[in-house]
Amino acid sequence: MRKISSFNTKLAAKITAGVSTMWCAYIFAALALISLPSALKTGDVVVIVGWIAQTFLQLVLLSIIMVGQNLQSRHSEIRADADYETNIEAKKDIETLMKRLDSIENDKLDKILNILENK
């Protein structure tokens, strides 16, 4: 069962990688355009609208939407990486400031103790 699941996962990943390209959108557009003359010859508005909606838009937009989603995903990853780096730098800065504040606080406490001891 595990082998079948692994095969299905790999196959789905390969198909998705292939369909989510602009080349696939071009191929789907060409494929859809093959049946356009037949749809136009009927002169039937329902057939023409059906061709546009069911043949052309579904085939071509499928790939284009997937390409767009991939681009958005890449941009999100880039933004997340930049945010992560910013947060790491901020954390380092905060740690440095905390050490400095501790040092200042300790210096002040030492001065207060010296004043109290000298009285």
PDB file of N, CA and C in Angstrom:
ATOM      1  N   MET A   1       0.821  -1.196   0.000  1.00  0.00           N
ATOM      2  CA  MET A   1       0.000   0.000   0.000  1.00  0.00           C
ATOM      3  C   MET A   1       0.864   1.259   0.000  1.00  0.00           C
ATOM      4  N   ARG A   2       1.975   1.196   0.725  1.00  0.00           N
ATOM      5  CA  ARG A   2       2.869   2.337   0.816  1.00  0.00           C
ATOM      6  C   ARG A   2       3.500   2.654  -0.542  1.00  0.00           C
ATOM      7  N   LYS A   3       3.830   1.601  -1.316  1.00  0.00           N
ATOM      8  CA  LYS A   3       4.430   1.799  -2.633  1.00  0.00           C
ATOM      9  C   LYS A   3       3.453   2.487  -3.574  1.00  0.00           C
ATOM     10  N   ILE A   4       2.185   2.097  -3.491  1.00  0.00           N
ATOM     11  CA  ILE A   4       1.160   2.708  -4.340  1.00  0.00           C
ATOM     12  C   ILE A   4       1.007   4.180  -3.980  1.00  0.00           C
ATOM     13  N   SER A   5       0.963   4.461  -2.691  1.00  0.00           N
ATOM     14  CA  SER A   5       0.826   5.841  -2.231  1.00  0.00           C
ATOM     15  C   SER A   5       2.018   6.674  -2.686  1.00  0.00           C
ATOM     16  N   SER A   6       3.210   6.123  -2.574  1.00  0.00           N
ATOM     17  CA  SER A   6       4.415   6.829  -3.005  1.00  0.00           C
ATOM     18  C   SER A   6       4.389   7.068  -4.512  1.00  0.00           C
ATOM     19  N   PHE A   7       3.974   6.060  -5.266  1.00  0.00           N
ATOM     20  CA  PHE A   7       3.866   6.203  -6.721  1.00  0.00           C
ATOM     21  C   PHE A   7       2.863   7.290  -7.076  1.00  0.00           C
ATOM     22  N   ASN A   8       1.688   7.255  -6.427  1.00  0.00           N
ATOM     23  CA  ASN A   8       0.652   8.245  -6.705  1.00  0.00           C
ATOM     24  C   ASN A   8       1.134   9.658  -6.379  1.00  0.00           C
ATOM     25  N   THR A   9       1.841   9.793  -5.285  1.00  0.00           N
ATOM     26  CA  THR A   9       2.366  11.103  -4.894  1.00  0.00           C
ATOM     27  C   THR A   9       3.367  11.607  -5.919  1.00  0.00           C
ATOM     28  N   LYS A  10       4.278  10.742  -6.351  1.00  0.00           N
ATOM     29  CA  LYS A  10       5.283  11.146  -7.338  1.00  0.00           C
ATOM     30  C   LYS A  10       4.638  11.490  -8.671  1.00  0.00           C
ATOM     31  N   LEU A  11       3.668  10.674  -9.087  1.00  0.00           N
ATOM     32  CA  LEU A  11       2.972  10.921 -10.349  1.00  0.00           C
ATOM     33  C   LEU A  11       2.213  12.249 -10.293  1.00  0.00           C
ATOM     34  N   ALA A  12       1.519  12.483  -9.197  1.00  0.00           N
ATOM     35  CA  ALA A  12       0.768  13.735  -9.041  1.00  0.00           C
ATOM     36  C   ALA A  12       1.710  14.935  -9.059  1.00  0.00           C
ATOM     37  N   ALA A  13       2.854  14.816  -8.414  1.00  0.00           N
ATOM     38  CA  ALA A  13       3.822  15.917  -8.394  1.00  0.00           C
ATOM     39  C   ALA A  13       4.354  16.204  -9.796  1.00  0.00           C
ATOM     40  N   LYS A  14       4.640  15.145 -10.565  1.00  0.00           N
ATOM     41  CA  LYS A  14       5.145  15.340 -11.934  1.00  0.00           C
ATOM     42  C   LYS A  14       4.081  15.966 -12.839  1.00  0.00           C
ATOM     43  N   ILE A  15       2.860  15.480 -12.718  1.00  0.00           N
ATOM     44  CA  ILE A  15       1.777  16.036 -13.539  1.00  0.00           C
ATOM     45  C   ILE A  15       1.553  17.504 -13.180  1.00  0.00           C
ATOM     46  N   THR A  16       1.517  17.794 -11.888  1.00  0.00           N
ATOM     47  CA  THR A  16       1.316  19.179 -11.449  1.00  0.00           C
ATOM     48  C   THR A  16       2.441  20.077 -11.940  1.00  0.00           C
ATOM     49  N   ALA A  17       3.675  19.589 -11.860  1.00  0.00           N
ATOM     50  CA  ALA A  17       4.817  20.379 -12.333  1.00  0.00           C
ATOM     51  C   ALA A  17       4.707  20.647 -13.831  1.00  0.00           C
ATOM     52  N   GLY A  18       4.222  19.679 -14.579  1.00  0.00           N
ATOM     53  CA  GLY A  18       4.082  19.856 -16.025  1.00  0.00           C
ATOM     54  C   GLY A  18       2.932  20.760 -16.407  1.00  0.00           C
ATOM     55  N   VAL A  19       1.802  20.609 -15.731  1.00  0.00           N
ATOM     56  CA  VAL A  19       0.608  21.382 -16.077  1.00  0.00           C
ATOM     57  C   VAL A  19       0.745  22.837 -15.621  1.00  0.00           C
ATOM     58  N   SER A  20       1.544  23.083 -14.613  1.00  0.00           N
ATOM     59  CA  SER A  20       1.664  24.448 -14.090  1.00  0.00           C
ATOM     60  C   SER A  20       2.782  25.227 -14.781  1.00  0.00           C
ATOM     61  N   THR A  21       2.807  25.138 -16.107  1.00  0.00           N
ATOM     62  CA  THR A  21       3.783  25.894 -16.897  1.00  0.00           C
ATOM     63  C   THR A  21       3.049  26.656 -17.993  1.00  0.00           C
ATOM     64  N   MET A  22       3.651  27.714 -18.437  1.00  0.00           N
ATOM     65  CA  MET A  22       3.052  28.465 -19.542  1.00  0.00           C
ATOM     66  C   MET A  22       3.093  27.649 -20.830  1.00  0.00           C
ATOM     67  N   TRP A  23       4.088  26.779 -20.997  1.00  0.00           N
ATOM     68  CA  TRP A  23       4.128  25.926 -22.187  1.00  0.00           C
ATOM     69  C   TRP A  23       2.899  25.036 -22.259  1.00  0.00           C
ATOM     70  N   CYS A  24       2.484  24.541 -21.115  1.00  0.00           N
ATOM     71  CA  CYS A  24       1.268  23.720 -21.091  1.00  0.00           C
ATOM     72  C   CYS A  24       0.053  24.573 -21.452  1.00  0.00           C
ATOM     73  N   ALA A  25       0.015  25.804 -20.981  1.00  0.00           N
ATOM     74  CA  ALA A  25      -1.095  26.704 -21.334  1.00  0.00           C
ATOM     75  C   ALA A  25      -1.132  26.935 -22.841  1.00  0.00           C
ATOM     76  N   TYR A  26       0.047  27.104 -23.458  1.00  0.00           N
ATOM     77  CA  TYR A  26       0.095  27.294 -24.913  1.00  0.00           C
ATOM     78  C   TYR A  26      -0.408  26.047 -25.646  1.00  0.00           C
ATOM     79  N   ILE A  27       0.008  24.885 -25.171  1.00  0.00           N
ATOM     80  CA  ILE A  27      -0.422  23.621 -25.791  1.00  0.00           C
ATOM     81  C   ILE A  27      -1.936  23.444 -25.639  1.00  0.00           C
ATOM     82  N   PHE A  28      -2.451  23.737 -24.436  1.00  0.00           N
ATOM     83  CA  PHE A  28      -3.897  23.631 -24.218  1.00  0.00           C
ATOM     84  C   PHE A  28      -4.657  24.622 -25.100  1.00  0.00           C
ATOM     85  N   ALA A  29      -4.111  25.824 -25.270  1.00  0.00           N
ATOM     86  CA  ALA A  29      -4.768  26.817 -26.124  1.00  0.00           C
ATOM     87  C   ALA A  29      -4.815  26.315 -27.564  1.00  0.00           C
ATOM     88  N   ALA A  30      -3.697  25.782 -28.042  1.00  0.00           N
ATOM     89  CA  ALA A  30      -3.664  25.245 -29.413  1.00  0.00           C
ATOM     90  C   ALA A  30      -4.649  24.091 -29.563  1.00  0.00           C
ATOM     91  N   LEU A  31      -4.680  23.218 -28.559  1.00  0.00           N
ATOM     92  CA  LEU A  31      -5.596  22.082 -28.581  1.00  0.00           C
ATOM     93  C   LEU A  31      -7.048  22.561 -28.610  1.00  0.00           C
ATOM     94  N   ALA A  32      -7.354  23.558 -27.803  1.00  0.00           N
ATOM     95  CA  ALA A  32      -8.724  24.086 -27.761  1.00  0.00           C
ATOM     96  C   ALA A  32      -9.087  24.765 -29.079  1.00  0.00           C
ATOM     97  N   LEU A  33      -8.123  25.459 -29.677  1.00  0.00           N
ATOM     98  CA  LEU A  33      -8.408  26.181 -30.929  1.00  0.00           C
ATOM     99  C   LEU A  33      -8.700  25.246 -32.100  1.00  0.00           C
ATOM    100  N   ILE A  34      -8.284  23.993 -31.993  1.00  0.00           N
ATOM    101  CA  ILE A  34      -8.578  23.024 -33.056  1.00  0.00           C
ATOM    102  C   ILE A  34     -10.085  22.863 -33.242  1.00  0.00           C
ATOM    103  N   SER A  35     -10.821  22.884 -32.129  1.00  0.00           N
ATOM    104  CA  SER A  35     -12.272  22.680 -32.227  1.00  0.00           C
ATOM    105  C   SER A  35     -13.047  23.983 -32.416  1.00  0.00           C
ATOM    106  N   LEU A  36     -12.380  25.132 -32.426  1.00  0.00           N
ATOM    107  CA  LEU A  36     -13.082  26.415 -32.590  1.00  0.00           C
ATOM    108  C   LEU A  36     -13.834  26.518 -33.920  1.00  0.00           C
ATOM    109  N   PRO A  37     -13.227  26.175 -35.038  1.00  0.00           N
ATOM    110  CA  PRO A  37     -13.982  26.290 -36.300  1.00  0.00           C
ATOM    111  C   PRO A  37     -15.286  25.497 -36.296  1.00  0.00           C
ATOM    112  N   SER A  38     -15.263  24.312 -35.725  1.00  0.00           N
ATOM    113  CA  SER A  38     -16.495  23.505 -35.669  1.00  0.00           C
ATOM    114  C   SER A  38     -17.560  24.190 -34.825  1.00  0.00           C
ATOM    115  N   ALA A  39     -17.124  24.782 -33.711  1.00  0.00           N
ATOM    116  CA  ALA A  39     -18.086  25.475 -32.842  1.00  0.00           C
ATOM    117  C   ALA A  39     -18.665  26.687 -33.559  1.00  0.00           C
ATOM    118  N   LEU A  40     -17.830  27.417 -34.281  1.00  0.00           N
ATOM    119  CA  LEU A  40     -18.303  28.609 -34.991  1.00  0.00           C
ATOM    120  C   LEU A  40     -19.234  28.259 -36.156  1.00  0.00           C
ATOM    121  N   LYS A  41     -18.956  27.131 -36.817  1.00  0.00           N
ATOM    122  CA  LYS A  41     -19.779  26.717 -37.959  1.00  0.00           C
ATOM    123  C   LYS A  41     -21.223  26.444 -37.553  1.00  0.00           C
ATOM    124  N   THR A  42     -21.422  26.022 -36.327  1.00  0.00           N
ATOM    125  CA  THR A  42     -22.790  25.721 -35.899  1.00  0.00           C
ATOM    126  C   THR A  42     -23.635  26.989 -35.861  1.00  0.00           C
ATOM    127  N   GLY A  43     -22.997  28.114 -35.573  1.00  0.00           N
ATOM    128  CA  GLY A  43     -23.746  29.366 -35.464  1.00  0.00           C
ATOM    129  C   GLY A  43     -24.613  29.426 -34.223  1.00  0.00           C
ATOM    130  N   ASP A  44     -24.572  28.400 -33.450  1.00  0.00           N
ATOM    131  CA  ASP A  44     -25.384  28.319 -32.231  1.00  0.00           C
ATOM    132  C   ASP A  44     -24.641  29.010 -31.085  1.00  0.00           C
ATOM    133  N   VAL A  45     -25.269  30.025 -30.504  1.00  0.00           N
ATOM    134  CA  VAL A  45     -24.646  30.789 -29.420  1.00  0.00           C
ATOM    135  C   VAL A  45     -24.319  29.886 -28.235  1.00  0.00           C
ATOM    136  N   VAL A  46     -25.192  28.961 -27.930  1.00  0.00           N
ATOM    137  CA  VAL A  46     -24.962  28.061 -26.793  1.00  0.00           C
ATOM    138  C   VAL A  46     -23.708  27.214 -27.034  1.00  0.00           C
ATOM    139  N   VAL A  47     -23.533  26.721 -28.240  1.00  0.00           N
ATOM    140  CA  VAL A  47     -22.358  25.908 -28.564  1.00  0.00           C
ATOM    141  C   VAL A  47     -21.093  26.764 -28.479  1.00  0.00           C
ATOM    142  N   ILE A  48     -21.148  27.988 -28.983  1.00  0.00           N
ATOM    143  CA  ILE A  48     -19.976  28.868 -28.952  1.00  0.00           C
ATOM    144  C   ILE A  48     -19.613  29.249 -27.521  1.00  0.00           C
ATOM    145  N   VAL A  49     -20.617  29.611 -26.735  1.00  0.00           N
ATOM    146  CA  VAL A  49     -20.377  29.937 -25.320  1.00  0.00           C
ATOM    147  C   VAL A  49     -19.854  28.707 -24.583  1.00  0.00           C
ATOM    148  N   GLY A  50     -20.433  27.539 -24.901  1.00  0.00           N
ATOM    149  CA  GLY A  50     -19.957  26.294 -24.295  1.00  0.00           C
ATOM    150  C   GLY A  50     -18.505  26.027 -24.645  1.00  0.00           C
ATOM    151  N   TRP A  51     -18.133  26.284 -25.900  1.00  0.00           N
ATOM    152  CA  TRP A  51     -16.736  26.081 -26.295  1.00  0.00           C
ATOM    153  C   TRP A  51     -15.821  27.011 -25.505  1.00  0.00           C
ATOM    154  N   ILE A  52     -16.226  28.283 -25.403  1.00  0.00           N
ATOM    155  CA  ILE A  52     -15.401  29.251 -24.665  1.00  0.00           C
ATOM    156  C   ILE A  52     -15.258  28.830 -23.205  1.00  0.00           C
ATOM    157  N   ALA A  53     -16.387  28.543 -22.568  1.00  0.00           N
ATOM    158  CA  ALA A  53     -16.376  28.248 -21.132  1.00  0.00           C
ATOM    159  C   ALA A  53     -15.783  26.881 -20.817  1.00  0.00           C
ATOM    160  N   GLN A  54     -16.211  25.862 -21.540  1.00  0.00           N
ATOM    161  CA  GLN A  54     -15.842  24.500 -21.185  1.00  0.00           C
ATOM    162  C   GLN A  54     -14.544  24.034 -21.826  1.00  0.00           C
ATOM    163  N   THR A  55     -14.246  24.556 -22.973  1.00  0.00           N
ATOM    164  CA  THR A  55     -13.049  24.080 -23.663  1.00  0.00           C
ATOM    165  C   THR A  55     -11.883  25.032 -23.439  1.00  0.00           C
ATOM    166  N   PHE A  56     -12.036  26.246 -23.910  1.00  0.00           N
ATOM    167  CA  PHE A  56     -10.905  27.164 -23.895  1.00  0.00           C
ATOM    168  C   PHE A  56     -10.547  27.619 -22.477  1.00  0.00           C
ATOM    169  N   LEU A  57     -11.496  28.208 -21.777  1.00  0.00           N
ATOM    170  CA  LEU A  57     -11.192  28.767 -20.456  1.00  0.00           C
ATOM    171  C   LEU A  57     -10.719  27.711 -19.464  1.00  0.00           C
ATOM    172  N   GLN A  58     -11.401  26.586 -19.433  1.00  0.00           N
ATOM    173  CA  GLN A  58     -11.016  25.564 -18.464  1.00  0.00           C
ATOM    174  C   GLN A  58      -9.625  25.013 -18.749  1.00  0.00           C
ATOM    175  N   LEU A  59      -9.339  24.751 -19.999  1.00  0.00           N
ATOM    176  CA  LEU A  59      -8.018  24.202 -20.334  1.00  0.00           C
ATOM    177  C   LEU A  59      -6.910  25.221 -20.105  1.00  0.00           C
ATOM    178  N   VAL A  60      -7.080  26.395 -20.660  1.00  0.00           N
ATOM    179  CA  VAL A  60      -5.999  27.380 -20.622  1.00  0.00           C
ATOM    180  C   VAL A  60      -5.846  28.002 -19.239  1.00  0.00           C
ATOM    181  N   LEU A  61      -6.958  28.387 -18.642  1.00  0.00           N
ATOM    182  CA  LEU A  61      -6.865  29.034 -17.331  1.00  0.00           C
ATOM    183  C   LEU A  61      -6.330  28.102 -16.250  1.00  0.00           C
ATOM    184  N   LEU A  62      -6.547  26.823 -16.378  1.00  0.00           N
ATOM    185  CA  LEU A  62      -6.013  25.872 -15.406  1.00  0.00           C
ATOM    186  C   LEU A  62      -4.508  26.059 -15.246  1.00  0.00           C
ATOM    187  N   SER A  63      -3.803  26.041 -16.356  1.00  0.00           N
ATOM    188  CA  SER A  63      -2.345  26.196 -16.305  1.00  0.00           C
ATOM    189  C   SER A  63      -1.933  27.588 -15.865  1.00  0.00           C
ATOM    190  N   ILE A  64      -2.612  28.601 -16.373  1.00  0.00           N
ATOM    191  CA  ILE A  64      -2.240  29.971 -16.025  1.00  0.00           C
ATOM    192  C   ILE A  64      -2.452  30.238 -14.536  1.00  0.00           C
ATOM    193  N   ILE A  65      -3.537  29.745 -13.988  1.00  0.00           N
ATOM    194  CA  ILE A  65      -3.791  29.914 -12.553  1.00  0.00           C
ATOM    195  C   ILE A  65      -2.709  29.203 -11.741  1.00  0.00           C
ATOM    196  N   MET A  66      -2.334  28.022 -12.162  1.00  0.00           N
ATOM    197  CA  MET A  66      -1.290  27.286 -11.440  1.00  0.00           C
ATOM    198  C   MET A  66       0.055  28.013 -11.519  1.00  0.00           C
ATOM    199  N   VAL A  67       0.364  28.591 -12.670  1.00  0.00           N
ATOM    200  CA  VAL A  67       1.601  29.379 -12.804  1.00  0.00           C
ATOM    201  C   VAL A  67       1.552  30.563 -11.841  1.00  0.00           C
ATOM    202  N   GLY A  68       0.421  31.248 -11.798  1.00  0.00           N
ATOM    203  CA  GLY A  68       0.261  32.385 -10.886  1.00  0.00           C
ATOM    204  C   GLY A  68       0.411  31.989  -9.430  1.00  0.00           C
ATOM    205  N   GLN A  69      -0.165  30.852  -9.069  1.00  0.00           N
ATOM    206  CA  GLN A  69      -0.037  30.378  -7.691  1.00  0.00           C
ATOM    207  C   GLN A  69       1.418  30.063  -7.351  1.00  0.00           C
ATOM    208  N   ASN A  70       2.139  29.472  -8.297  1.00  0.00           N
ATOM    209  CA  ASN A  70       3.550  29.184  -8.066  1.00  0.00           C
ATOM    210  C   ASN A  70       4.347  30.472  -7.864  1.00  0.00           C
ATOM    211  N   LEU A  71       4.056  31.483  -8.681  1.00  0.00           N
ATOM    212  CA  LEU A  71       4.747  32.771  -8.527  1.00  0.00           C
ATOM    213  C   LEU A  71       4.439  33.404  -7.170  1.00  0.00           C
ATOM    214  N   GLN A  72       3.186  33.384  -6.780  1.00  0.00           N
ATOM    215  CA  GLN A  72       2.804  33.942  -5.485  1.00  0.00           C
ATOM    216  C   GLN A  72       3.485  33.187  -4.353  1.00  0.00           C
ATOM    217  N   SER A  73       3.560  31.882  -4.489  1.00  0.00           N
ATOM    218  CA  SER A  73       4.217  31.070  -3.467  1.00  0.00           C
ATOM    219  C   SER A  73       5.696  31.425  -3.347  1.00  0.00           C
ATOM    220  N   ARG A  74       6.365  31.579  -4.497  1.00  0.00           N
ATOM    221  CA  ARG A  74       7.785  31.963  -4.470  1.00  0.00           C
ATOM    222  C   ARG A  74       7.983  33.322  -3.827  1.00  0.00           C
ATOM    223  N   HIS A  75       7.107  34.277  -4.162  1.00  0.00           N
ATOM    224  CA  HIS A  75       7.222  35.609  -3.561  1.00  0.00           C
ATOM    225  C   HIS A  75       6.987  35.542  -2.053  1.00  0.00           C
ATOM    226  N   SER A  76       6.051  34.729  -1.630  1.00  0.00           N
ATOM    227  CA  SER A  76       5.789  34.575  -0.192  1.00  0.00           C
ATOM    228  C   SER A  76       6.991  33.971   0.518  1.00  0.00           C
ATOM    229  N   GLU A  77       7.631  33.002  -0.103  1.00  0.00           N
ATOM    230  CA  GLU A  77       8.822  32.401   0.483  1.00  0.00           C
ATOM    231  C   GLU A  77       9.947  33.423   0.611  1.00  0.00           C
ATOM    232  N   ILE A  78      10.116  34.245  -0.416  1.00  0.00           N
ATOM    233  CA  ILE A  78      11.161  35.274  -0.378  1.00  0.00           C
ATOM    234  C   ILE A  78      10.875  36.273   0.743  1.00  0.00           C
ATOM    235  N   ARG A  79       9.611  36.691   0.861  1.00  0.00           N
ATOM    236  CA  ARG A  79       9.247  37.629   1.927  1.00  0.00           C
ATOM    237  C   ARG A  79       9.450  36.980   3.297  1.00  0.00           C
ATOM    238  N   ALA A  80       9.084  35.719   3.423  1.00  0.00           N
ATOM    239  CA  ALA A  80       9.243  35.029   4.705  1.00  0.00           C
ATOM    240  C   ALA A  80      10.719  34.924   5.075  1.00  0.00           C
ATOM    241  N   ASP A  81      11.568  34.623   4.103  1.00  0.00           N
ATOM    242  CA  ASP A  81      13.008  34.549   4.370  1.00  0.00           C
ATOM    243  C   ASP A  81      13.547  35.908   4.811  1.00  0.00           C
ATOM    244  N   ALA A  82      13.111  36.963   4.140  1.00  0.00           N
ATOM    245  CA  ALA A  82      13.563  38.312   4.508  1.00  0.00           C
ATOM    246  C   ALA A  82      13.077  38.675   5.910  1.00  0.00           C
ATOM    247  N   ASP A  83      11.825  38.339   6.218  1.00  0.00           N
ATOM    248  CA  ASP A  83      11.290  38.606   7.559  1.00  0.00           C
ATOM    249  C   ASP A  83      12.070  37.833   8.617  1.00  0.00           C
ATOM    250  N   TYR A  84      12.410  36.599   8.306  1.00  0.00           N
ATOM    251  CA  TYR A  84      13.169  35.773   9.247  1.00  0.00           C
ATOM    252  C   TYR A  84      14.529  36.411   9.530  1.00  0.00           C
ATOM    253  N   GLU A  85      15.221  36.838   8.471  1.00  0.00           N
ATOM    254  CA  GLU A  85      16.529  37.471   8.642  1.00  0.00           C
ATOM    255  C   GLU A  85      16.406  38.756   9.458  1.00  0.00           C
ATOM    256  N   THR A  86      15.364  39.528   9.192  1.00  0.00           N
ATOM    257  CA  THR A  86      15.134  40.756   9.956  1.00  0.00           C
ATOM    258  C   THR A  86      14.909  40.439  11.426  1.00  0.00           C
ATOM    259  N   ASN A  87      14.121  39.405  11.694  1.00  0.00           N
ATOM    260  CA  ASN A  87      13.852  39.009  13.082  1.00  0.00           C
ATOM    261  C   ASN A  87      15.104  38.514  13.787  1.00  0.00           C
ATOM    262  N   ILE A  88      15.959  37.787  13.085  1.00  0.00           N
ATOM    263  CA  ILE A  88      17.213  37.312  13.689  1.00  0.00           C
ATOM    264  C   ILE A  88      18.095  38.501  14.058  1.00  0.00           C
ATOM    265  N   GLU A  89      18.199  39.477  13.147  1.00  0.00           N
ATOM    266  CA  GLU A  89      19.003  40.678  13.424  1.00  0.00           C
ATOM    267  C   GLU A  89      18.420  41.457  14.600  1.00  0.00           C
ATOM    268  N   ALA A  90      17.096  41.580  14.634  1.00  0.00           N
ATOM    269  CA  ALA A  90      16.447  42.293  15.733  1.00  0.00           C
ATOM    270  C   ALA A  90      16.701  41.581  17.053  1.00  0.00           C
ATOM    271  N   LYS A  91      16.660  40.269  17.036  1.00  0.00           N
ATOM    272  CA  LYS A  91      16.914  39.500  18.260  1.00  0.00           C
ATOM    273  C   LYS A  91      18.334  39.747  18.751  1.00  0.00           C
ATOM    274  N   LYS A  92      19.301  39.743  17.830  1.00  0.00           N
ATOM    275  CA  LYS A  92      20.693  40.008  18.213  1.00  0.00           C
ATOM    276  C   LYS A  92      20.832  41.407  18.806  1.00  0.00           C
ATOM    277  N   ASP A  93      20.173  42.385  18.170  1.00  0.00           N
ATOM    278  CA  ASP A  93      20.232  43.756  18.676  1.00  0.00           C
ATOM    279  C   ASP A  93      19.625  43.858  20.071  1.00  0.00           C
ATOM    280  N   ILE A  94      18.514  43.195  20.275  1.00  0.00           N
ATOM    281  CA  ILE A  94      17.849  43.217  21.581  1.00  0.00           C
ATOM    282  C   ILE A  94      18.733  42.564  22.639  1.00  0.00           C
ATOM    283  N   GLU A  95      19.364  41.440  22.287  1.00  0.00           N
ATOM    284  CA  GLU A  95      20.257  40.776  23.239  1.00  0.00           C
ATOM    285  C   GLU A  95      21.428  41.681  23.606  1.00  0.00           C
ATOM    286  N   THR A  96      21.969  42.382  22.626  1.00  0.00           N
ATOM    287  CA  THR A  96      23.075  43.313  22.885  1.00  0.00           C
ATOM    288  C   THR A  96      22.620  44.438  23.807  1.00  0.00           C
ATOM    289  N   LEU A  97      21.448  44.991  23.521  1.00  0.00           N
ATOM    290  CA  LEU A  97      20.914  46.056  24.376  1.00  0.00           C
ATOM    291  C   LEU A  97      20.644  45.567  25.795  1.00  0.00           C
ATOM    292  N   MET A  98      20.125  44.358  25.917  1.00  0.00           N
ATOM    293  CA  MET A  98      19.852  43.804  27.256  1.00  0.00           C
ATOM    294  C   MET A  98      21.148  43.650  28.052  1.00  0.00           C
ATOM    295  N   LYS A  99      22.205  43.180  27.404  1.00  0.00           N
ATOM    296  CA  LYS A  99      23.499  43.050  28.089  1.00  0.00           C
ATOM    297  C   LYS A  99      24.011  44.419  28.523  1.00  0.00           C
ATOM    298  N   ARG A 100      23.835  45.392  27.644  1.00  0.00           N
ATOM    299  CA  ARG A 100      24.300  46.744  27.971  1.00  0.00           C
ATOM    300  C   ARG A 100      23.500  47.315  29.128  1.00  0.00           C
ATOM    301  N   LEU A 101      22.174  47.111  29.112  1.00  0.00           N
ATOM    302  CA  LEU A 101      21.333  47.587  30.224  1.00  0.00           C
ATOM    303  C   LEU A 101      21.702  46.902  31.531  1.00  0.00           C
ATOM    304  N   ASP A 102      21.985  45.605  31.471  1.00  0.00           N
ATOM    305  CA  ASP A 102      22.418  44.883  32.674  1.00  0.00           C
ATOM    306  C   ASP A 102      23.711  45.480  33.215  1.00  0.00           C
ATOM    307  N   SER A 103      24.626  45.791  32.319  1.00  0.00           N
ATOM    308  CA  SER A 103      25.899  46.379  32.722  1.00  0.00           C
ATOM    309  C   SER A 103      25.683  47.745  33.372  1.00  0.00           C
ATOM    310  N   ILE A 104      24.831  48.568  32.768  1.00  0.00           N
ATOM    311  CA  ILE A 104      24.542  49.892  33.338  1.00  0.00           C
ATOM    312  C   ILE A 104      23.883  49.751  34.693  1.00  0.00           C
ATOM    313  N   GLU A 105      22.947  48.833  34.806  1.00  0.00           N
ATOM    314  CA  GLU A 105      22.250  48.613  36.071  1.00  0.00           C
ATOM    315  C   GLU A 105      23.230  48.147  37.151  1.00  0.00           C
ATOM    316  N   ASN A 106      24.112  47.234  36.780  1.00  0.00           N
ATOM    317  CA  ASN A 106      25.101  46.753  37.751  1.00  0.00           C
ATOM    318  C   ASN A 106      26.038  47.879  38.178  1.00  0.00           C
ATOM    319  N   ASP A 107      26.441  48.721  37.248  1.00  0.00           N
ATOM    320  CA  ASP A 107      27.294  49.866  37.586  1.00  0.00           C
ATOM    321  C   ASP A 107      26.591  50.799  38.566  1.00  0.00           C
ATOM    322  N   LYS A 108      25.319  51.068  38.318  1.00  0.00           N
ATOM    323  CA  LYS A 108      24.564  51.944  39.216  1.00  0.00           C
ATOM    324  C   LYS A 108      24.428  51.322  40.599  1.00  0.00           C
ATOM    325  N   LEU A 109      24.141  50.023  40.634  1.00  0.00           N
ATOM    326  CA  LEU A 109      24.019  49.344  41.936  1.00  0.00           C
ATOM    327  C   LEU A 109      25.345  49.373  42.691  1.00  0.00           C
ATOM    328  N   ASP A 110      26.449  49.191  41.990  1.00  0.00           N
ATOM    329  CA  ASP A 110      27.768  49.255  42.621  1.00  0.00           C
ATOM    330  C   ASP A 110      28.017  50.643  43.199  1.00  0.00           C
ATOM    331  N   LYS A 111      27.627  51.689  42.466  1.00  0.00           N
ATOM    332  CA  LYS A 111      27.802  53.058  42.948  1.00  0.00           C
ATOM    333  C   LYS A 111      26.959  53.291  44.197  1.00  0.00           C
ATOM    334  N   ILE A 112      25.730  52.811  44.189  1.00  0.00           N
ATOM    335  CA  ILE A 112      24.852  52.968  45.354  1.00  0.00           C
ATOM    336  C   ILE A 112      25.449  52.241  46.555  1.00  0.00           C
ATOM    337  N   LEU A 113      25.946  51.031  46.345  1.00  0.00           N
ATOM    338  CA  LEU A 113      26.561  50.278  47.453  1.00  0.00           C
ATOM    339  C   LEU A 113      27.782  51.013  47.996  1.00  0.00           C
ATOM    340  N   ASN A 114      28.575  51.578  47.122  1.00  0.00           N
ATOM    341  CA  ASN A 114      29.759  52.335  47.562  1.00  0.00           C
ATOM    342  C   ASN A 114      29.346  53.541  48.374  1.00  0.00           C
ATOM    343  N   ILE A 115      28.299  54.244  47.941  1.00  0.00           N
ATOM    344  CA  ILE A 115      27.820  55.399  48.695  1.00  0.00           C
ATOM    345  C   ILE A 115      27.342  54.965  50.065  1.00  0.00           C
ATOM    346  N   LEU A 116      26.582  53.877  50.123  1.00  0.00           N
ATOM    347  CA  LEU A 116      26.051  53.395  51.402  1.00  0.00           C
ATOM    348  C   LEU A 116      27.160  52.907  52.326  1.00  0.00           C
ATOM    349  N   GLU A 117      28.162  52.291  51.786  1.00  0.00           N
ATOM    350  CA  GLU A 117      29.281  51.793  52.594  1.00  0.00           C
ATOM    351  C   GLU A 117      30.122  52.942  53.136  1.00  0.00           C
ATOM    352  N   ASN A 118      30.207  54.019  52.418  1.00  0.00           N
ATOM    353  CA  ASN A 118      31.018  55.164  52.831  1.00  0.00           C
ATOM    354  C   ASN A 118      30.306  56.037  53.856  1.00  0.00           C
ATOM    355  N   LYS A 119      29.048  55.842  54.093  1.00  0.00           N
ATOM    356  CA  LYS A 119      28.322  56.658  55.070  1.00  0.00           C
ATOM    357  C   LYS A 119      28.544  56.169  56.449  1.00  0.00           C
TER     358      LYS A 119
END
